[in-house]
Amino acid sequence: MDTYMILPKVDQAQEFLEIARDFTNPLEAVREAISNSIDAKASQIQVKFLVEDLQGEGVLRVILEDDGIGMTEERLQAFFDLGNSSSRGNPQLIGAKGHGTKVFYGCDRLTVETVGSDGIPRRAVMENPLASLYEQRIPPVQVEPNARLDFQRGTRVILHGFNKNRRNAFTHEQVRDYILWFTKFGSVELEFDGLNVEETRQKKLLLQGVDKSLPETVPFGHIFAEPTPSCEKLFDQYITDAPKYFARKWIRAGHLKNYPEIAYHAVFAIEGDSAKREYNPMLSGPGRSKRAGMYKVTERYGLYLCRDFIPIERTVGWLGTRSTDHLLYHAFINCQGFQLTANRGSVSNTPRPILDDIRDVADGIRQEIMESDDYDAMQYLQEEAVGHETAAREERQYRKRVDGVKNQQVATYKGHRLVAPRQESGVFGLISKLAAIDPDALPFEIVDYESSIGIDALVKTRDKVPVLDTELRYLELKYVLERTLNHSFKYLSWIVAWKLHHTLKHESLIEDMTGRSRKLIKVPSEAPGQETLYFLDDPRSHRIRVLLLEEYLKERLGVEFV
């Protein structure tokens, strides 16, 4: 039988499109530009977001510029290619896959101006790259050699109409925050004495968000909370808030247990929420007005897995079994053994044994922290704060209750002092005391009381007002009867409330938890010593008697609270 060979092919346009669409966060363009500039040995990097008026319409223009080594013809070709990287094989460089620059394709026009080591100025323009790829065409690049440029060295990338001209993500604060958390310029390398980062540290990055008219210099390096003083000083200064200001940091480096050729560098910080907010203006919280791009502690903090000292993925389950354990940490582990997905969004391509080794490193550091004096100090602060808060709360409650007693409404009935209720439990206390003083004072007798399992009580009715034919009936207690009821009308026969909500009147509708409504019916008293009657009426079902205790006691028993 004859055989033949099949040579697998690549649908080039589709692959370009898939990689370009993998970059879902438009700020990844900033990360890619900074990485490329650092690989190009730039000493100054500029990131600008501008809005230009084009025929009466605002058009977003992003300028990413550096004074690095620029691009020769070969490097320019690699910039636009897929899977072709001039950095491949050099472990000192960030770019290796040849995928990152495809994040720039999300624009109407991509312009690259560059002067490489050959001294030739070039301008390359690609029109509507994504539109071409959706039509299954690889967008061509028009290159103009010997172009007239206004600089002698470096590269300028201009994105016209980037991100479909949506610019809400490009405010100055949001971009600055992204740079310090998710790019090489926000690296934690400064925490390690053995790393030679002085050259990178001397680099200058100028940022101008879409809402700024002048650029700002962004410092190199990630920001952590400053370690706090002794626990005694911290507690003296902040009392019960002391744990919120606690901050400590652990720096560790080494090699993986089963892969000793692979190094790791780790920074683990424990920071209270207030300590975080002192250096992080983008954290929402008390006293801070909501601004674009702000986030909660739960949305940002934890342990980040990094490659090239750039955070790739935040883990949740590596720092304890409880769902909130990771929020205690502001932590990073960098390892060049991580294998990344095309968009650098995950470390999921890393072999499982390497991931297991790195996870063991994280667990070991966490155990070391939990056994440390610093961790004991944090727990001491928490215990002291809880104790102090408990004592302070008891003091506040005592003062409140003393003041409440001084301002109580009281009445006398048959020689006994009665206190007007201030909440639902007080209503039950009052009717219980009335029943003990005078068993006939109320038109029902409480047979069973249990507030934790639904409707509050079972009662026997004394009067002849028709409610239900059964002897035992459900009674619900309220301090104020409002327009909605957190029970069903179906089994309810009595409602005892201290008073009505001020908006309720005769024939007002009250709705139960199932959405059914009843009219509140008021029947005024006809003679002294008779009380005004209230019902929740439904012609298709039984009536529910409503007893307004304050009014009932005044009309029926002559008891008035003053």
Protein backbone atom coordinates (compact mmCIF):
# COMPACT_ATOMS: atom_id res chain seq x y z
CA MET A 1 0.00 0.00 0.00
CA ASP A 2 1.32 3.42 -0.94
CA THR A 3 1.84 5.93 1.86
CA TYR A 4 2.19 9.68 1.78
CA MET A 5 3.16 12.46 4.15
CA ILE A 6 1.06 15.29 5.58
CA LEU A 7 2.86 18.44 6.57
CA PRO A 8 0.83 20.31 9.25
CA LYS A 9 0.06 23.91 8.36
CA VAL A 10 -0.73 26.98 10.39
CA ASP A 11 -3.69 29.23 9.70
CA GLN A 12 -1.56 32.31 10.13
CA ALA A 13 -4.30 34.94 10.20
CA GLN A 14 -6.34 32.96 12.73
CA GLU A 15 -3.33 32.42 15.00
CA PHE A 16 -2.52 36.13 14.90
CA LEU A 17 -6.14 36.87 15.79
CA GLU A 18 -6.29 34.36 18.66
CA ILE A 19 -3.10 35.69 20.26
CA ALA A 20 -4.22 39.31 19.85
CA ARG A 21 -7.60 38.51 21.45
CA ASP A 22 -5.91 36.80 24.42
CA PHE A 23 -4.91 40.22 25.76
CA THR A 24 -8.17 41.22 27.44
CA ASN A 25 -6.83 44.01 29.68
CA PRO A 26 -5.87 47.06 27.59
CA LEU A 27 -3.30 48.06 30.24
CA GLU A 28 -1.25 45.04 29.19
CA ALA A 29 -0.02 47.30 26.38
CA VAL A 30 1.75 49.34 29.06
CA ARG A 31 3.32 46.23 30.57
CA GLU A 32 4.55 45.06 27.17
CA ALA A 33 5.97 48.49 26.25
CA ILE A 34 7.89 48.77 29.53
CA SER A 35 9.30 45.24 29.15
CA ASN A 36 10.43 45.95 25.59
CA SER A 37 12.04 49.24 26.65
CA ILE A 38 13.95 47.59 29.49
CA ASP A 39 15.12 44.82 27.13
CA ALA A 40 16.27 47.60 24.76
CA LYS A 41 18.49 49.06 27.54
CA ALA A 42 16.51 52.31 27.62
CA SER A 43 17.37 54.84 30.29
CA GLN A 44 14.13 56.78 29.84
CA ILE A 45 10.63 55.46 29.10
CA GLN A 46 7.56 57.55 28.33
CA VAL A 47 3.95 56.38 28.52
CA LYS A 48 1.37 58.93 27.39
CA PHE A 49 -2.38 58.77 26.82
CA LEU A 50 -3.73 61.69 24.80
CA VAL A 51 -7.09 62.52 23.25
CA GLU A 52 -6.94 64.31 19.92
CA ASP A 53 -9.77 66.08 18.15
CA LEU A 54 -10.18 64.46 14.76
CA GLN A 55 -12.99 65.90 12.66
CA GLY A 56 -14.92 66.83 15.79
CA GLU A 57 -14.47 63.44 17.45
CA GLY A 58 -12.11 62.58 20.30
CA VAL A 59 -9.59 59.92 19.28
CA LEU A 60 -7.34 58.17 21.80
CA ARG A 61 -3.65 58.21 20.98
CA VAL A 62 -1.22 56.17 23.08
CA ILE A 63 2.48 57.00 22.83
CA LEU A 64 5.02 54.49 24.16
CA GLU A 65 8.55 55.81 23.74
CA ASP A 66 12.08 54.99 24.90
CA ASP A 67 15.70 55.90 24.19
CA GLY A 68 16.91 52.30 23.92
CA ILE A 69 18.88 50.56 21.21
CA GLY A 70 16.02 50.80 18.72
CA MET A 71 15.27 48.29 15.97
CA THR A 72 17.17 47.23 12.92
CA GLU A 73 15.33 45.73 9.94
CA GLU A 74 15.56 42.29 11.54
CA ARG A 75 14.24 43.45 14.90
CA LEU A 76 11.44 45.42 13.25
CA GLN A 77 10.39 42.28 11.38
CA ALA A 78 10.37 40.32 14.67
CA PHE A 79 8.25 43.05 16.29
CA PHE A 80 5.42 42.41 13.83
CA ASP A 81 5.93 38.65 13.49
CA LEU A 82 4.19 36.01 15.59
CA GLY A 83 6.49 33.68 17.52
CA ASN A 84 9.62 35.42 16.29
CA SER A 85 11.53 37.10 19.14
CA SER A 86 14.93 38.73 18.98
CA SER A 87 15.14 38.12 22.77
CA ARG A 88 14.83 34.33 22.58
CA GLY A 89 17.74 32.49 24.12
CA ASN A 90 18.85 35.37 26.34
CA PRO A 91 17.77 34.67 29.95
CA GLN A 92 18.47 38.30 30.89
CA LEU A 93 15.66 39.55 28.62
CA ILE A 94 11.92 39.46 29.28
CA GLY A 95 10.46 38.95 25.81
CA ALA A 96 10.91 35.44 24.46
CA LYS A 97 7.67 34.15 22.94
CA GLY A 98 7.19 36.80 20.26
CA HIS A 99 3.55 37.22 21.31
CA GLY A 100 3.51 40.33 23.50
CA THR A 101 3.50 43.02 20.81
CA LYS A 102 0.20 41.65 19.48
CA VAL A 103 -1.49 43.50 22.35
CA PHE A 104 -0.80 46.62 20.25
CA TYR A 105 -3.04 45.31 17.46
CA GLY A 106 -6.21 46.57 19.16
CA CYS A 107 -6.12 49.94 17.40
CA ASP A 108 -7.09 51.64 14.14
CA ARG A 109 -3.48 52.34 13.18
CA LEU A 110 -0.23 51.05 14.67
CA THR A 111 2.82 53.20 13.97
CA VAL A 112 6.38 52.24 14.95
CA GLU A 113 9.17 54.79 14.60
CA THR A 114 12.67 53.57 15.43
CA VAL A 115 16.37 54.21 14.98
CA GLY A 116 18.41 51.04 15.48
CA SER A 117 22.07 50.26 15.87
CA ASP A 118 22.54 50.61 12.10
CA GLY A 119 21.61 54.30 12.39
CA ILE A 120 18.75 54.06 9.89
CA PRO A 121 15.51 55.78 10.93
CA ARG A 122 12.45 53.74 10.00
CA ARG A 123 8.71 54.28 10.21
CA ALA A 124 6.40 51.26 9.96
CA VAL A 125 2.61 51.59 9.73
CA MET A 126 -0.06 48.91 10.03
CA GLU A 127 -3.65 49.95 9.30
CA ASN A 128 -6.65 48.35 11.06
CA PRO A 129 -4.82 45.18 12.16
CA LEU A 130 -7.73 43.49 13.93
CA ALA A 131 -10.18 44.27 11.15
CA SER A 132 -7.84 42.56 8.66
CA LEU A 133 -7.41 39.53 10.91
CA TYR A 134 -11.17 39.14 11.34
CA GLU A 135 -11.32 39.02 7.54
CA GLN A 136 -8.67 36.26 7.67
CA ARG A 137 -6.02 38.53 6.16
CA ILE A 138 -2.63 39.20 7.70
CA PRO A 139 -2.36 43.00 7.84
CA PRO A 140 0.58 44.30 5.81
CA VAL A 141 3.14 46.72 7.25
CA GLN A 142 4.27 49.66 5.19
CA VAL A 143 7.89 50.51 6.05
CA GLU A 144 9.49 53.82 5.23
CA PRO A 145 13.31 53.67 5.56
CA ASN A 146 15.22 56.90 6.10
CA ALA A 147 12.09 58.48 7.56
CA ARG A 148 12.35 61.94 9.04
CA LEU A 149 12.15 61.43 12.81
CA ASP A 150 12.68 63.88 15.64
CA PHE A 151 15.02 61.62 17.65
CA GLN A 152 18.38 59.95 17.02
CA ARG A 153 18.04 56.75 19.05
CA GLY A 154 15.26 54.56 20.42
CA THR A 155 11.71 53.57 19.54
CA ARG A 156 8.31 55.24 19.57
CA VAL A 157 5.11 53.17 19.28
CA ILE A 158 1.92 55.12 18.55
CA LEU A 159 -1.51 53.49 18.87
CA HIS A 160 -4.26 55.51 17.16
CA GLY A 161 -7.81 54.72 18.26
CA PHE A 162 -6.59 52.15 20.77
CA ASN A 163 -9.14 50.09 22.74
CA LYS A 164 -11.93 51.26 20.39
CA ASN A 165 -11.29 54.77 21.74
CA ARG A 166 -12.57 53.81 25.19
CA ARG A 167 -10.31 55.60 27.67
CA ASN A 168 -11.95 55.15 31.09
CA ALA A 169 -9.22 52.65 32.06
CA PHE A 170 -6.40 55.09 31.31
CA THR A 171 -6.75 57.71 34.04
CA HIS A 172 -3.42 58.65 35.56
CA GLU A 173 -4.07 56.95 38.91
CA GLN A 174 -5.18 53.68 37.32
CA VAL A 175 -2.18 53.43 34.97
CA ARG A 176 0.27 54.36 37.74
CA ASP A 177 -1.24 51.70 39.99
CA TYR A 178 -0.96 49.12 37.21
CA ILE A 179 2.68 50.02 36.55
CA LEU A 180 3.63 49.60 40.22
CA TRP A 181 1.83 46.26 40.55
CA PHE A 182 1.99 44.45 37.21
CA THR A 183 5.00 45.64 35.20
CA LYS A 184 8.77 45.30 35.40
CA PHE A 185 8.92 48.85 36.72
CA GLY A 186 7.02 47.72 39.82
CA SER A 187 9.49 44.89 40.47
CA VAL A 188 10.25 43.66 44.00
CA GLU A 189 13.92 43.18 43.04
CA LEU A 190 14.98 46.08 45.26
CA GLU A 191 14.18 43.92 48.29
CA PHE A 192 17.12 41.59 47.52
CA ASP A 193 20.70 42.65 48.19
CA GLY A 194 22.21 39.99 45.93
CA LEU A 195 20.49 41.18 42.76
CA ASN A 196 22.18 43.77 40.58
CA VAL A 197 19.27 46.09 39.85
CA GLU A 198 21.04 49.43 40.14
CA GLU A 199 20.98 49.91 36.37
CA THR A 200 17.22 49.27 36.26
CA ARG A 201 16.70 51.45 39.31
CA GLN A 202 18.32 54.39 37.55
CA LYS A 203 15.82 54.22 34.68
CA LYS A 204 13.30 57.03 34.44
CA LEU A 205 9.67 56.46 33.58
CA LEU A 206 7.45 59.40 32.67
CA LEU A 207 3.70 58.77 32.83
CA GLN A 208 0.86 60.95 31.62
CA GLY A 209 -2.65 59.57 32.03
CA VAL A 210 -5.52 60.67 29.86
CA ASP A 211 -6.70 63.09 32.56
CA LYS A 212 -3.31 64.82 33.02
CA SER A 213 -1.71 67.62 31.05
CA LEU A 214 1.85 67.02 32.33
CA PRO A 215 3.80 63.80 32.93
CA GLU A 216 4.85 62.46 36.34
CA THR A 217 8.03 60.54 37.11
CA VAL A 218 7.12 57.11 38.50
CA PRO A 219 9.75 55.61 40.83
CA PHE A 220 11.11 52.14 40.16
CA GLY A 221 10.14 49.35 42.54
CA HIS A 222 7.10 47.97 44.30
CA ILE A 223 5.85 49.69 47.44
CA PHE A 224 5.28 47.98 50.80
CA ALA A 225 4.14 49.35 54.14
CA GLU A 226 6.93 50.57 56.41
CA PRO A 227 7.58 48.09 59.27
CA THR A 228 5.82 49.35 62.40
CA PRO A 229 7.44 50.02 65.80
CA SER A 230 7.05 47.85 68.88
CA CYS A 231 3.59 46.54 69.71
CA GLU A 232 3.45 48.63 72.88
CA LYS A 233 4.03 51.86 70.94
CA LEU A 234 1.59 50.78 68.25
CA PHE A 235 -1.10 50.01 70.82
CA ASP A 236 -0.47 53.25 72.69
CA GLN A 237 -0.90 55.19 69.45
CA TYR A 238 -3.89 53.41 67.90
CA ILE A 239 -5.50 51.43 70.77
CA THR A 240 -8.12 49.09 69.23
CA ASP A 241 -7.03 50.00 65.67
CA ALA A 242 -3.44 48.88 66.34
CA PRO A 243 -3.73 45.57 64.36
CA LYS A 244 -4.82 47.55 61.31
CA TYR A 245 -1.46 49.39 61.32
CA PHE A 246 0.75 46.36 61.98
CA ALA A 247 3.36 45.72 59.24
CA ARG A 248 6.26 43.25 58.97
CA LYS A 249 8.20 41.82 56.04
CA TRP A 250 10.15 38.59 55.36
CA ILE A 251 12.69 38.28 52.51
CA ARG A 252 13.75 34.79 51.41
CA ALA A 253 15.73 33.37 48.46
CA GLY A 254 16.99 29.94 47.54
CA HIS A 255 16.62 27.02 45.13
CA LEU A 256 13.85 24.50 44.60
CA LYS A 257 14.21 21.23 46.50
CA ASN A 258 13.90 18.86 43.54
CA TYR A 259 15.20 21.30 40.94
CA PRO A 260 18.28 22.87 42.57
CA GLU A 261 19.21 24.62 39.32
CA ILE A 262 16.04 26.75 39.59
CA ALA A 263 16.22 29.75 41.93
CA TYR A 264 13.39 31.58 43.65
CA HIS A 265 13.07 34.95 45.36
CA ALA A 266 10.22 35.64 47.77
CA VAL A 267 8.86 38.67 49.63
CA PHE A 268 6.14 38.03 52.20
CA ALA A 269 4.67 41.03 54.01
CA ILE A 270 1.89 41.08 56.60
CA GLU A 271 0.08 44.41 56.59
CA GLY A 272 -3.05 45.61 58.33
CA ASP A 273 -5.66 47.30 56.17
CA SER A 274 -4.83 50.79 57.45
CA ALA A 275 -1.11 50.18 56.82
CA LYS A 276 -2.00 49.23 53.25
CA ARG A 277 -4.05 52.39 52.75
CA GLU A 278 -1.20 54.61 53.93
CA TYR A 279 0.81 53.82 50.79
CA ASN A 280 -1.95 52.68 48.40
CA PRO A 281 -4.30 55.49 47.31
CA MET A 282 -6.34 53.11 45.15
CA LEU A 283 -7.66 51.07 48.08
CA SER A 284 -11.26 51.89 48.90
CA GLY A 285 -12.26 52.29 52.51
CA PRO A 286 -13.70 54.55 55.19
CA GLY A 287 -13.27 58.24 54.47
CA ARG A 288 -12.24 57.74 50.84
CA SER A 289 -14.42 58.92 47.99
CA LYS A 290 -14.92 56.39 45.21
CA ARG A 291 -12.70 57.03 42.18
CA ALA A 292 -12.25 55.20 38.91
CA GLY A 293 -10.24 52.01 39.28
CA MET A 294 -10.34 51.78 43.08
CA TYR A 295 -10.54 48.28 44.55
CA LYS A 296 -10.95 46.41 47.83
CA VAL A 297 -8.27 44.50 49.74
CA THR A 298 -10.06 41.29 48.72
CA GLU A 299 -9.61 42.16 45.06
CA ARG A 300 -5.88 42.83 45.09
CA TYR A 301 -3.89 41.34 47.97
CA GLY A 302 -2.56 37.82 48.47
CA LEU A 303 0.35 35.88 46.95
CA TYR A 304 1.48 36.62 43.39
CA LEU A 305 3.50 34.20 41.29
CA CYS A 306 6.04 36.12 39.20
CA ARG A 307 8.44 35.59 36.33
CA ASP A 308 11.00 38.24 35.38
CA PHE A 309 9.82 39.82 38.67
CA ILE A 310 6.51 40.67 36.96
CA PRO A 311 3.37 39.36 38.74
CA ILE A 312 1.58 36.82 36.57
CA GLU A 313 -1.10 35.18 38.67
CA ARG A 314 -2.60 35.65 42.14
CA THR A 315 -3.12 32.49 44.17
CA VAL A 316 -5.86 32.01 46.76
CA GLY A 317 -5.36 28.51 48.16
CA TRP A 318 -1.61 28.52 48.85
CA LEU A 319 -1.69 30.48 52.09
CA GLY A 320 -4.09 28.62 54.36
CA THR A 321 -7.31 26.66 54.33
CA ARG A 322 -9.73 29.47 55.13
CA SER A 323 -11.04 31.54 52.24
CA THR A 324 -9.65 34.76 53.77
CA ASP A 325 -6.22 33.53 54.92
CA HIS A 326 -4.45 34.89 51.84
CA LEU A 327 -5.72 38.43 52.48
CA LEU A 328 -3.33 38.77 55.41
CA TYR A 329 -0.40 38.73 52.98
CA HIS A 330 1.14 41.13 50.49
CA ALA A 331 3.47 38.57 48.94
CA PHE A 332 5.40 37.67 45.80
CA ILE A 333 7.40 34.62 44.68
CA ASN A 334 9.53 35.04 41.57
CA CYS A 335 10.80 31.99 39.71
CA GLN A 336 12.18 31.75 36.19
CA GLY A 337 10.99 28.15 36.18
CA PHE A 338 7.43 29.31 35.61
CA GLN A 339 6.20 28.60 32.08
CA LEU A 340 3.65 31.18 30.97
CA THR A 341 0.67 31.21 28.67
CA ALA A 342 0.83 33.26 25.47
CA ASN A 343 -0.62 36.38 27.09
CA ARG A 344 1.46 36.03 30.30
CA GLY A 345 -1.80 35.69 32.21
CA SER A 346 -1.14 32.36 33.92
CA VAL A 347 1.63 29.98 35.02
CA SER A 348 -0.51 27.00 34.05
CA ASN A 349 2.03 25.79 31.45
CA THR A 350 4.52 25.06 34.24
CA PRO A 351 5.20 21.35 34.85
CA ARG A 352 3.35 20.10 37.94
CA PRO A 353 6.49 18.96 39.86
CA ILE A 354 7.98 22.47 39.60
CA LEU A 355 4.70 24.05 40.75
CA ASP A 356 4.62 21.63 43.70
CA ASP A 357 8.15 22.64 44.70
CA ILE A 358 7.28 26.34 44.55
CA ARG A 359 4.13 25.74 46.56
CA ASP A 360 6.23 23.96 49.18
CA VAL A 361 8.43 27.07 49.33
CA ALA A 362 5.38 29.26 49.93
CA ASP A 363 4.05 26.91 52.61
CA GLY A 364 7.45 26.81 54.33
CA ILE A 365 7.67 30.61 54.47
CA ARG A 366 4.10 30.80 55.79
CA GLN A 367 4.90 28.28 58.54
CA GLU A 368 8.05 30.21 59.44
CA ILE A 369 6.03 33.42 59.72
CA MET A 370 3.37 31.79 61.89
CA GLU A 371 6.04 30.51 64.29
CA SER A 372 7.85 33.85 64.48
CA ASP A 373 7.90 36.42 67.26
CA ASP A 374 6.49 38.98 64.83
CA TYR A 375 3.42 36.83 64.21
CA ASP A 376 2.99 36.39 67.97
CA ALA A 377 3.23 40.17 68.29
CA MET A 378 0.44 40.62 65.75
CA GLN A 379 -1.77 38.13 67.59
CA TYR A 380 -0.98 39.90 70.87
CA LEU A 381 -2.14 43.17 69.31
CA GLN A 382 -5.33 41.53 68.08
CA GLU A 383 -6.08 40.04 71.50
CA GLU A 384 -5.35 43.33 73.26
CA ALA A 385 -7.52 45.19 70.76
CA VAL A 386 -10.38 42.73 71.21
CA GLY A 387 -10.11 42.96 74.99
CA HIS A 388 -9.95 46.73 74.93
CA GLU A 389 -12.85 46.94 72.47
CA THR A 390 -14.93 44.55 74.60
CA ALA A 391 -14.31 46.66 77.68
CA ALA A 392 -15.01 49.86 75.75
CA ARG A 393 -18.16 48.37 74.26
CA GLU A 394 -19.38 47.30 77.70
CA GLU A 395 -18.67 50.80 78.99
CA ARG A 396 -20.60 52.33 76.08
CA GLN A 397 -23.49 49.92 76.61
CA TYR A 398 -23.50 50.67 80.35
CA ARG A 399 -23.64 54.42 79.72
CA LYS A 400 -26.29 53.94 77.09
CA ARG A 401 -28.44 51.82 79.35
CA VAL A 402 -28.01 54.20 82.28
CA ASP A 403 -29.05 57.07 80.03
CA GLY A 404 -31.92 54.93 78.77
CA VAL A 405 -33.14 54.29 82.30
CA LYS A 406 -33.02 58.01 83.04
CA ASN A 407 -35.17 58.67 79.99
CA GLN A 408 -37.54 55.72 80.26
CA GLN A 409 -41.24 56.09 79.76
CA VAL A 410 -42.92 54.45 82.75
CA ALA A 411 -46.41 53.78 84.04
CA THR A 412 -48.01 52.20 87.12
CA TYR A 413 -50.59 49.45 87.01
CA LYS A 414 -52.05 47.89 90.17
CA GLY A 415 -49.06 49.09 92.15
CA HIS A 416 -46.49 47.73 89.70
CA ARG A 417 -44.03 49.77 87.66
CA LEU A 418 -44.18 49.20 83.91
CA VAL A 419 -41.49 50.33 81.43
CA ALA A 420 -42.30 51.25 77.84
CA PRO A 421 -40.42 48.96 75.41
CA ARG A 422 -37.71 50.24 73.06
CA GLN A 423 -37.41 47.10 70.96
CA GLU A 424 -39.26 43.88 70.18
CA SER A 425 -37.91 41.95 73.19
CA GLY A 426 -39.26 44.74 75.41
CA VAL A 427 -42.74 44.17 73.99
CA PHE A 428 -42.60 40.54 75.10
CA GLY A 429 -41.28 41.57 78.52
CA LEU A 430 -44.13 44.04 78.99
CA ILE A 431 -46.93 41.62 78.05
CA SER A 432 -45.35 38.92 80.24
CA LYS A 433 -45.34 41.31 83.22
CA LEU A 434 -48.92 42.36 82.52
CA ALA A 435 -50.01 38.73 82.41
CA ALA A 436 -48.35 38.11 85.79
CA ILE A 437 -49.97 41.19 87.37
CA ASP A 438 -53.42 40.66 85.85
CA PRO A 439 -54.15 37.47 83.88
CA ASP A 440 -57.19 39.15 82.32
CA ALA A 441 -55.40 42.31 81.19
CA LEU A 442 -54.79 40.99 77.68
CA PRO A 443 -57.24 39.30 75.29
CA PHE A 444 -55.00 36.23 74.98
CA GLU A 445 -52.88 33.87 77.04
CA ILE A 446 -49.35 32.97 75.92
CA VAL A 447 -48.98 29.19 75.87
CA ASP A 448 -45.58 28.88 74.16
CA TYR A 449 -42.83 31.40 73.29
CA GLU A 450 -39.84 30.73 71.01
CA SER A 451 -38.50 33.62 68.92
CA SER A 452 -35.64 31.75 67.27
CA ILE A 453 -37.67 29.33 65.15
CA GLY A 454 -40.14 31.55 63.28
CA ILE A 455 -43.36 33.13 64.55
CA ASP A 456 -42.87 34.16 68.16
CA ALA A 457 -45.68 32.62 70.20
CA LEU A 458 -48.71 30.36 70.45
CA VAL A 459 -51.68 31.87 72.32
CA LYS A 460 -55.22 31.14 73.47
CA THR A 461 -57.75 33.87 72.71
CA ARG A 462 -59.94 35.19 75.56
CA ASP A 463 -62.26 37.64 73.82
CA LYS A 464 -65.00 36.93 71.32
CA VAL A 465 -63.52 38.74 68.36
CA PRO A 466 -63.52 36.13 65.56
CA VAL A 467 -60.07 35.27 64.26
CA LEU A 468 -59.76 31.52 63.63
CA ASP A 469 -61.84 28.58 64.75
CA THR A 470 -58.88 26.71 66.24
CA GLU A 471 -58.03 27.23 69.91
CA LEU A 472 -54.26 27.75 69.65
CA ARG A 473 -53.13 30.56 67.38
CA TYR A 474 -49.86 32.05 66.17
CA LEU A 475 -48.87 35.47 67.54
CA GLU A 476 -46.08 37.63 66.12
CA LEU A 477 -44.39 40.40 68.15
CA LYS A 478 -43.14 43.68 66.65
CA TYR A 479 -41.90 46.90 68.17
CA VAL A 480 -43.20 48.87 65.17
CA LEU A 481 -45.60 47.36 62.65
CA GLU A 482 -44.37 48.38 59.19
CA ARG A 483 -45.55 47.93 55.60
CA THR A 484 -43.76 44.61 55.15
CA LEU A 485 -43.90 41.53 57.36
CA ASN A 486 -41.15 38.92 57.50
CA HIS A 487 -43.66 36.06 57.87
CA SER A 488 -46.51 34.59 55.89
CA PHE A 489 -50.10 35.59 56.71
CA LYS A 490 -51.21 31.97 56.25
CA TYR A 491 -50.83 30.73 59.84
CA LEU A 492 -50.82 34.07 61.65
CA SER A 493 -53.74 35.13 63.86
CA TRP A 494 -52.31 37.86 66.10
CA ILE A 495 -49.78 40.66 65.77
CA VAL A 496 -48.81 42.57 68.91
CA ALA A 497 -46.85 45.76 68.26
CA TRP A 498 -46.04 48.72 70.47
CA LYS A 499 -47.15 51.11 67.74
CA LEU A 500 -47.76 51.58 64.02
CA HIS A 501 -45.27 53.02 61.58
CA HIS A 502 -46.22 56.66 61.07
CA THR A 503 -47.06 56.09 57.38
CA LEU A 504 -49.68 53.42 58.08
CA LYS A 505 -53.32 54.48 58.16
CA HIS A 506 -56.78 52.97 57.76
CA GLU A 507 -56.82 50.76 54.62
CA SER A 508 -53.04 50.92 54.16
CA LEU A 509 -51.65 47.77 52.52
CA ILE A 510 -49.25 45.48 54.38
CA GLU A 511 -47.34 42.81 52.46
CA ASP A 512 -46.07 39.47 53.79
CA MET A 513 -42.91 37.58 52.81
CA THR A 514 -44.72 35.74 50.00
CA GLY A 515 -45.84 38.99 48.35
CA ARG A 516 -49.49 38.78 49.47
CA SER A 517 -51.14 41.97 50.70
CA ARG A 518 -53.84 42.75 53.28
CA LYS A 519 -55.59 45.96 54.23
CA LEU A 520 -55.12 47.40 57.68
CA ILE A 521 -58.64 48.04 59.01
CA LYS A 522 -59.20 50.40 61.95
CA VAL A 523 -62.44 50.20 63.98
CA PRO A 524 -62.61 53.12 66.46
CA SER A 525 -63.76 52.46 70.02
CA GLU A 526 -67.44 53.17 70.71
CA ALA A 527 -67.34 53.79 74.48
CA PRO A 528 -64.92 54.54 77.31
CA GLY A 529 -63.04 51.45 78.40
CA GLN A 530 -63.25 49.89 74.96
CA GLU A 531 -60.19 49.76 72.72
CA THR A 532 -59.81 50.68 69.08
CA LEU A 533 -59.69 47.48 67.04
CA TYR A 534 -57.24 46.80 64.22
CA PHE A 535 -57.28 43.95 61.71
CA LEU A 536 -55.38 42.82 58.66
CA ASP A 537 -58.28 41.98 56.38
CA ASP A 538 -58.55 39.58 53.45
CA PRO A 539 -62.08 38.66 52.27
CA ARG A 540 -60.80 35.30 51.04
CA SER A 541 -59.19 34.25 54.34
CA HIS A 542 -59.22 34.70 58.09
CA ARG A 543 -58.75 38.04 59.81
CA ILE A 544 -55.53 38.79 61.66
CA ARG A 545 -56.03 40.77 64.85
CA VAL A 546 -53.53 43.61 65.44
CA LEU A 547 -53.11 44.81 69.00
CA LEU A 548 -51.25 48.12 69.34
CA LEU A 549 -50.06 47.78 72.90
CA GLU A 550 -49.45 51.45 73.74
CA GLU A 551 -52.92 52.48 72.55
CA TYR A 552 -54.63 49.38 73.98
CA LEU A 553 -53.23 49.92 77.50
CA LYS A 554 -54.35 53.54 77.51
CA GLU A 555 -57.88 52.89 76.22
CA ARG A 556 -58.65 49.58 77.92
CA LEU A 557 -56.73 49.77 81.20
CA GLY A 558 -56.15 53.48 81.61
CA VAL A 559 -52.38 52.93 81.67
CA GLU A 560 -50.47 55.84 80.16
CA PHE A 561 -46.68 56.02 79.93
CA VAL A 562 -44.92 59.28 80.81
